[in-house]
Amino acid sequence: MDLNQVLIEVRDMADSLEFYEKLGLKLIVSAETYARFELPSGAATFSILLSDDPTPGGSVLYFEVDDVDGSFAALCERGITFDSTPADQHYRWRTATFRDPAGNKL
């Protein structure tokens, strides 16, 4: 399993794009309400999502596995409760979501 990306909500897309580019992140995906950055080193990426009401602590961690359905089944057997079952997303990923004990979305 690898850390794929971290996503946070932002209130102002233009200001956020400028800020993260100043930090040295390379913009690799840009849309009206979403942007994704490549970090200077490492395989993980960082994303921002436009929101009218960003929720502090509303970050999402994305872990990448070779077999979403198999990992889903194995984690269910270990007692992990999921918010959603594996499903193909419009952005071409297959995902399943769950939360850690503190309520953080994974």
N, C-alpha and C. Protein backbone atom coordinates (compact mmCIF):
# COMPACT_ATOMS: atom_id res chain seq x y z
N MET A 1 0.85 -1.17 0.00
CA MET A 1 0.00 0.00 0.00
C MET A 1 0.89 1.23 0.00
N ASP A 2 0.53 2.21 -0.82
CA ASP A 2 1.24 3.48 -0.87
C ASP A 2 0.28 4.61 -0.57
N LEU A 3 0.82 5.70 0.00
CA LEU A 3 0.02 6.91 0.13
C LEU A 3 -0.07 7.52 -1.26
N ASN A 4 -1.29 7.70 -1.76
CA ASN A 4 -1.49 8.22 -3.10
C ASN A 4 -1.58 9.74 -3.07
N GLN A 5 -2.48 10.29 -2.25
CA GLN A 5 -2.63 11.73 -2.18
C GLN A 5 -3.35 12.14 -0.92
N VAL A 6 -3.21 13.41 -0.59
CA VAL A 6 -3.97 14.06 0.47
C VAL A 6 -4.78 15.15 -0.20
N LEU A 7 -6.05 15.29 0.15
CA LEU A 7 -6.93 16.29 -0.42
C LEU A 7 -7.45 17.18 0.70
N ILE A 8 -7.38 18.50 0.50
CA ILE A 8 -7.97 19.43 1.46
C ILE A 8 -8.93 20.35 0.72
N GLU A 9 -9.88 20.90 1.46
CA GLU A 9 -10.82 21.86 0.91
C GLU A 9 -10.26 23.27 1.06
N VAL A 10 -10.54 24.12 0.07
CA VAL A 10 -10.09 25.51 0.10
C VAL A 10 -11.25 26.43 -0.26
N ARG A 11 -11.16 27.68 0.18
CA ARG A 11 -12.22 28.65 -0.09
C ARG A 11 -11.95 29.44 -1.37
N ASP A 12 -10.67 29.70 -1.68
CA ASP A 12 -10.31 30.52 -2.84
C ASP A 12 -9.30 29.75 -3.68
N MET A 13 -9.71 29.32 -4.86
CA MET A 13 -8.87 28.48 -5.70
C MET A 13 -7.64 29.24 -6.19
N ALA A 14 -7.81 30.46 -6.66
CA ALA A 14 -6.68 31.22 -7.21
C ALA A 14 -5.62 31.47 -6.14
N ASP A 15 -6.03 31.91 -4.96
CA ASP A 15 -5.07 32.14 -3.87
C ASP A 15 -4.36 30.85 -3.47
N SER A 16 -5.11 29.76 -3.44
CA SER A 16 -4.53 28.48 -3.03
C SER A 16 -3.54 27.97 -4.07
N LEU A 17 -3.89 28.10 -5.36
CA LEU A 17 -2.96 27.69 -6.42
C LEU A 17 -1.65 28.46 -6.30
N GLU A 18 -1.75 29.76 -6.13
CA GLU A 18 -0.55 30.59 -6.01
C GLU A 18 0.28 30.19 -4.79
N PHE A 19 -0.39 29.96 -3.67
CA PHE A 19 0.30 29.60 -2.43
C PHE A 19 1.08 28.29 -2.58
N TYR A 20 0.42 27.25 -3.09
CA TYR A 20 1.08 25.94 -3.17
C TYR A 20 2.16 25.91 -4.25
N GLU A 21 2.00 26.69 -5.31
CA GLU A 21 3.07 26.79 -6.29
C GLU A 21 4.29 27.51 -5.70
N LYS A 22 4.04 28.51 -4.85
CA LYS A 22 5.15 29.18 -4.15
C LYS A 22 5.92 28.21 -3.26
N LEU A 23 5.21 27.22 -2.74
CA LEU A 23 5.87 26.21 -1.89
C LEU A 23 6.75 25.27 -2.71
N GLY A 24 6.62 25.31 -4.01
CA GLY A 24 7.44 24.46 -4.88
C GLY A 24 6.72 23.25 -5.43
N LEU A 25 5.39 23.17 -5.22
CA LEU A 25 4.62 22.06 -5.77
C LEU A 25 4.33 22.33 -7.24
N LYS A 26 4.35 21.29 -8.06
CA LYS A 26 4.13 21.42 -9.50
C LYS A 26 2.68 21.07 -9.82
N LEU A 27 1.96 22.01 -10.40
CA LEU A 27 0.57 21.80 -10.78
C LEU A 27 0.49 20.79 -11.92
N ILE A 28 -0.24 19.68 -11.72
CA ILE A 28 -0.35 18.65 -12.76
C ILE A 28 -1.78 18.44 -13.24
N VAL A 29 -2.79 18.88 -12.45
CA VAL A 29 -4.19 18.82 -12.86
C VAL A 29 -4.85 20.10 -12.39
N SER A 30 -5.57 20.76 -13.29
CA SER A 30 -6.23 22.00 -12.91
C SER A 30 -7.61 22.04 -13.53
N ALA A 31 -8.61 22.24 -12.68
CA ALA A 31 -9.99 22.40 -13.12
C ALA A 31 -10.59 23.53 -12.30
N GLU A 32 -11.81 23.89 -12.61
CA GLU A 32 -12.45 25.01 -11.93
C GLU A 32 -12.53 24.80 -10.41
N THR A 33 -12.81 23.57 -10.00
CA THR A 33 -13.01 23.32 -8.56
C THR A 33 -12.00 22.36 -7.96
N TYR A 34 -11.00 21.95 -8.73
CA TYR A 34 -10.05 20.93 -8.26
C TYR A 34 -8.68 21.18 -8.86
N ALA A 35 -7.65 20.94 -8.07
CA ALA A 35 -6.28 21.00 -8.57
C ALA A 35 -5.46 19.93 -7.86
N ARG A 36 -4.47 19.41 -8.58
CA ARG A 36 -3.60 18.38 -8.01
C ARG A 36 -2.16 18.76 -8.30
N PHE A 37 -1.32 18.55 -7.30
CA PHE A 37 0.08 18.92 -7.39
C PHE A 37 0.97 17.70 -7.21
N GLU A 38 2.09 17.73 -7.91
CA GLU A 38 3.15 16.74 -7.72
C GLU A 38 4.13 17.36 -6.73
N LEU A 39 4.55 16.57 -5.75
CA LEU A 39 5.51 17.07 -4.79
C LEU A 39 6.92 17.00 -5.36
N PRO A 40 7.83 17.85 -4.87
CA PRO A 40 9.18 17.86 -5.41
C PRO A 40 9.89 16.50 -5.34
N SER A 41 9.58 15.71 -4.35
CA SER A 41 10.15 14.36 -4.27
C SER A 41 9.09 13.42 -3.73
N GLY A 42 9.20 12.16 -4.07
CA GLY A 42 8.23 11.18 -3.60
C GLY A 42 7.14 10.92 -4.61
N ALA A 43 6.35 9.90 -4.36
CA ALA A 43 5.31 9.48 -5.29
C ALA A 43 3.93 10.04 -4.94
N ALA A 44 3.73 10.50 -3.71
CA ALA A 44 2.42 10.99 -3.30
C ALA A 44 2.14 12.35 -3.93
N THR A 45 0.86 12.68 -4.04
CA THR A 45 0.45 13.97 -4.57
C THR A 45 -0.43 14.68 -3.55
N PHE A 46 -0.67 15.96 -3.81
CA PHE A 46 -1.46 16.81 -2.92
C PHE A 46 -2.53 17.48 -3.75
N SER A 47 -3.78 17.47 -3.28
CA SER A 47 -4.88 18.03 -4.04
C SER A 47 -5.67 19.03 -3.21
N ILE A 48 -6.28 19.98 -3.93
CA ILE A 48 -7.17 20.93 -3.29
C ILE A 48 -8.52 20.90 -3.99
N LEU A 49 -9.58 21.10 -3.23
CA LEU A 49 -10.94 21.06 -3.74
C LEU A 49 -11.66 22.32 -3.27
N LEU A 50 -12.24 23.05 -4.19
CA LEU A 50 -12.96 24.28 -3.87
C LEU A 50 -14.21 23.95 -3.07
N SER A 51 -14.44 24.71 -2.00
CA SER A 51 -15.61 24.50 -1.16
C SER A 51 -16.11 25.85 -0.67
N ASP A 52 -17.42 26.02 -0.62
CA ASP A 52 -17.99 27.24 -0.06
C ASP A 52 -17.78 27.32 1.44
N ASP A 53 -17.65 26.17 2.06
CA ASP A 53 -17.49 26.13 3.52
C ASP A 53 -16.46 25.06 3.89
N PRO A 54 -15.15 25.36 3.66
CA PRO A 54 -14.13 24.36 3.99
C PRO A 54 -14.21 23.95 5.45
N THR A 55 -14.07 22.68 5.69
CA THR A 55 -14.13 22.14 7.04
C THR A 55 -12.73 21.87 7.54
N PRO A 56 -12.25 22.63 8.55
CA PRO A 56 -10.94 22.29 9.11
C PRO A 56 -10.96 20.83 9.57
N GLY A 57 -9.92 20.11 9.22
CA GLY A 57 -9.89 18.70 9.54
C GLY A 57 -10.67 17.86 8.55
N GLY A 58 -11.13 18.48 7.46
CA GLY A 58 -11.91 17.77 6.46
C GLY A 58 -11.04 17.13 5.39
N SER A 59 -9.79 16.92 5.70
CA SER A 59 -8.86 16.32 4.75
C SER A 59 -9.23 14.88 4.46
N VAL A 60 -8.81 14.41 3.28
CA VAL A 60 -9.03 13.02 2.90
C VAL A 60 -7.68 12.41 2.54
N LEU A 61 -7.36 11.25 3.10
CA LEU A 61 -6.14 10.53 2.75
C LEU A 61 -6.51 9.43 1.77
N TYR A 62 -5.75 9.33 0.68
CA TYR A 62 -5.97 8.31 -0.32
C TYR A 62 -4.81 7.33 -0.29
N PHE A 63 -5.12 6.06 0.00
CA PHE A 63 -4.12 5.00 -0.05
C PHE A 63 -4.36 4.21 -1.33
N GLU A 64 -3.28 3.88 -2.01
CA GLU A 64 -3.39 3.16 -3.27
C GLU A 64 -3.03 1.70 -3.06
N VAL A 65 -3.88 0.81 -3.54
CA VAL A 65 -3.64 -0.63 -3.46
C VAL A 65 -3.82 -1.22 -4.85
N ASP A 66 -3.24 -2.40 -5.07
CA ASP A 66 -3.36 -3.06 -6.37
C ASP A 66 -4.76 -3.60 -6.63
N ASP A 67 -5.46 -4.01 -5.57
CA ASP A 67 -6.77 -4.67 -5.71
C ASP A 67 -7.74 -4.07 -4.70
N VAL A 68 -8.53 -3.10 -5.14
CA VAL A 68 -9.48 -2.43 -4.24
C VAL A 68 -10.48 -3.42 -3.65
N ASP A 69 -11.04 -4.27 -4.50
CA ASP A 69 -12.06 -5.21 -4.02
C ASP A 69 -11.48 -6.22 -3.03
N GLY A 70 -10.30 -6.73 -3.33
CA GLY A 70 -9.65 -7.68 -2.42
C GLY A 70 -9.28 -7.03 -1.10
N SER A 71 -8.77 -5.79 -1.17
CA SER A 71 -8.42 -5.07 0.06
C SER A 71 -9.66 -4.75 0.88
N PHE A 72 -10.74 -4.39 0.20
CA PHE A 72 -12.01 -4.14 0.86
C PHE A 72 -12.47 -5.38 1.64
N ALA A 73 -12.44 -6.52 0.98
CA ALA A 73 -12.87 -7.77 1.62
C ALA A 73 -11.97 -8.11 2.82
N ALA A 74 -10.66 -7.96 2.65
CA ALA A 74 -9.73 -8.28 3.74
C ALA A 74 -9.94 -7.35 4.93
N LEU A 75 -10.15 -6.06 4.67
CA LEU A 75 -10.36 -5.11 5.77
C LEU A 75 -11.71 -5.33 6.45
N CYS A 76 -12.72 -5.70 5.68
CA CYS A 76 -14.03 -6.03 6.29
C CYS A 76 -13.87 -7.21 7.24
N GLU A 77 -13.07 -8.21 6.84
CA GLU A 77 -12.83 -9.38 7.70
C GLU A 77 -12.11 -8.98 8.98
N ARG A 78 -11.33 -7.89 8.93
CA ARG A 78 -10.60 -7.40 10.11
C ARG A 78 -11.45 -6.47 10.96
N GLY A 79 -12.69 -6.25 10.55
CA GLY A 79 -13.60 -5.44 11.37
C GLY A 79 -13.68 -3.97 10.97
N ILE A 80 -13.10 -3.59 9.84
CA ILE A 80 -13.20 -2.21 9.38
C ILE A 80 -14.59 -1.99 8.77
N THR A 81 -15.26 -0.93 9.21
CA THR A 81 -16.58 -0.58 8.68
C THR A 81 -16.40 0.50 7.63
N PHE A 82 -16.95 0.29 6.46
CA PHE A 82 -16.80 1.21 5.34
C PHE A 82 -18.00 2.14 5.20
N ASP A 83 -17.73 3.37 4.74
CA ASP A 83 -18.79 4.32 4.40
C ASP A 83 -19.35 4.02 3.02
N SER A 84 -18.49 3.46 2.14
CA SER A 84 -18.95 3.12 0.79
C SER A 84 -18.21 1.86 0.33
N THR A 85 -18.90 1.07 -0.46
CA THR A 85 -18.30 -0.13 -1.03
C THR A 85 -17.50 0.25 -2.28
N PRO A 86 -16.65 -0.64 -2.78
CA PRO A 86 -15.87 -0.32 -3.98
C PRO A 86 -16.77 0.08 -5.15
N ALA A 87 -16.40 1.19 -5.79
CA ALA A 87 -17.18 1.70 -6.93
C ALA A 87 -16.24 2.46 -7.86
N ASP A 88 -16.51 2.35 -9.16
CA ASP A 88 -15.76 3.12 -10.15
C ASP A 88 -16.24 4.56 -10.10
N GLN A 89 -15.29 5.49 -10.06
CA GLN A 89 -15.60 6.91 -9.97
C GLN A 89 -15.47 7.57 -11.34
N HIS A 90 -16.12 8.71 -11.52
CA HIS A 90 -16.05 9.43 -12.80
C HIS A 90 -14.64 9.90 -13.11
N TYR A 91 -13.78 10.01 -12.10
CA TYR A 91 -12.40 10.44 -12.31
C TYR A 91 -11.47 9.25 -12.53
N ARG A 92 -12.06 8.10 -12.89
CA ARG A 92 -11.36 6.88 -13.35
C ARG A 92 -10.64 6.10 -12.25
N TRP A 93 -10.99 6.31 -11.02
CA TRP A 93 -10.44 5.49 -9.95
C TRP A 93 -11.54 4.61 -9.41
N ARG A 94 -11.16 3.50 -8.84
CA ARG A 94 -12.10 2.65 -8.12
C ARG A 94 -11.81 2.88 -6.65
N THR A 95 -12.79 3.29 -5.89
CA THR A 95 -12.56 3.65 -4.49
C THR A 95 -13.58 3.01 -3.56
N ALA A 96 -13.18 2.93 -2.31
CA ALA A 96 -14.06 2.58 -1.19
C ALA A 96 -13.61 3.48 -0.04
N THR A 97 -14.54 4.02 0.73
CA THR A 97 -14.15 4.95 1.78
C THR A 97 -14.54 4.42 3.16
N PHE A 98 -13.72 4.81 4.12
CA PHE A 98 -13.96 4.48 5.51
C PHE A 98 -13.35 5.57 6.36
N ARG A 99 -13.48 5.48 7.67
CA ARG A 99 -12.97 6.52 8.58
C ARG A 99 -12.13 5.87 9.68
N ASP A 100 -11.16 6.66 10.14
CA ASP A 100 -10.38 6.20 11.28
C ASP A 100 -11.17 6.48 12.56
N PRO A 101 -10.70 6.05 13.73
CA PRO A 101 -11.45 6.25 14.98
C PRO A 101 -11.76 7.72 15.29
N ALA A 102 -10.96 8.65 14.78
CA ALA A 102 -11.19 10.07 15.02
C ALA A 102 -12.16 10.68 14.00
N GLY A 103 -12.59 9.88 13.03
CA GLY A 103 -13.53 10.37 12.02
C GLY A 103 -12.88 10.89 10.75
N ASN A 104 -11.56 10.77 10.64
CA ASN A 104 -10.87 11.20 9.42
C ASN A 104 -11.21 10.27 8.27
N LYS A 105 -11.50 10.85 7.10
CA LYS A 105 -11.89 10.08 5.94
C LYS A 105 -10.67 9.50 5.23
N LEU A 106 -10.73 8.19 4.91
CA LEU A 106 -9.65 7.51 4.21
C LEU A 106 -10.22 6.79 3.00
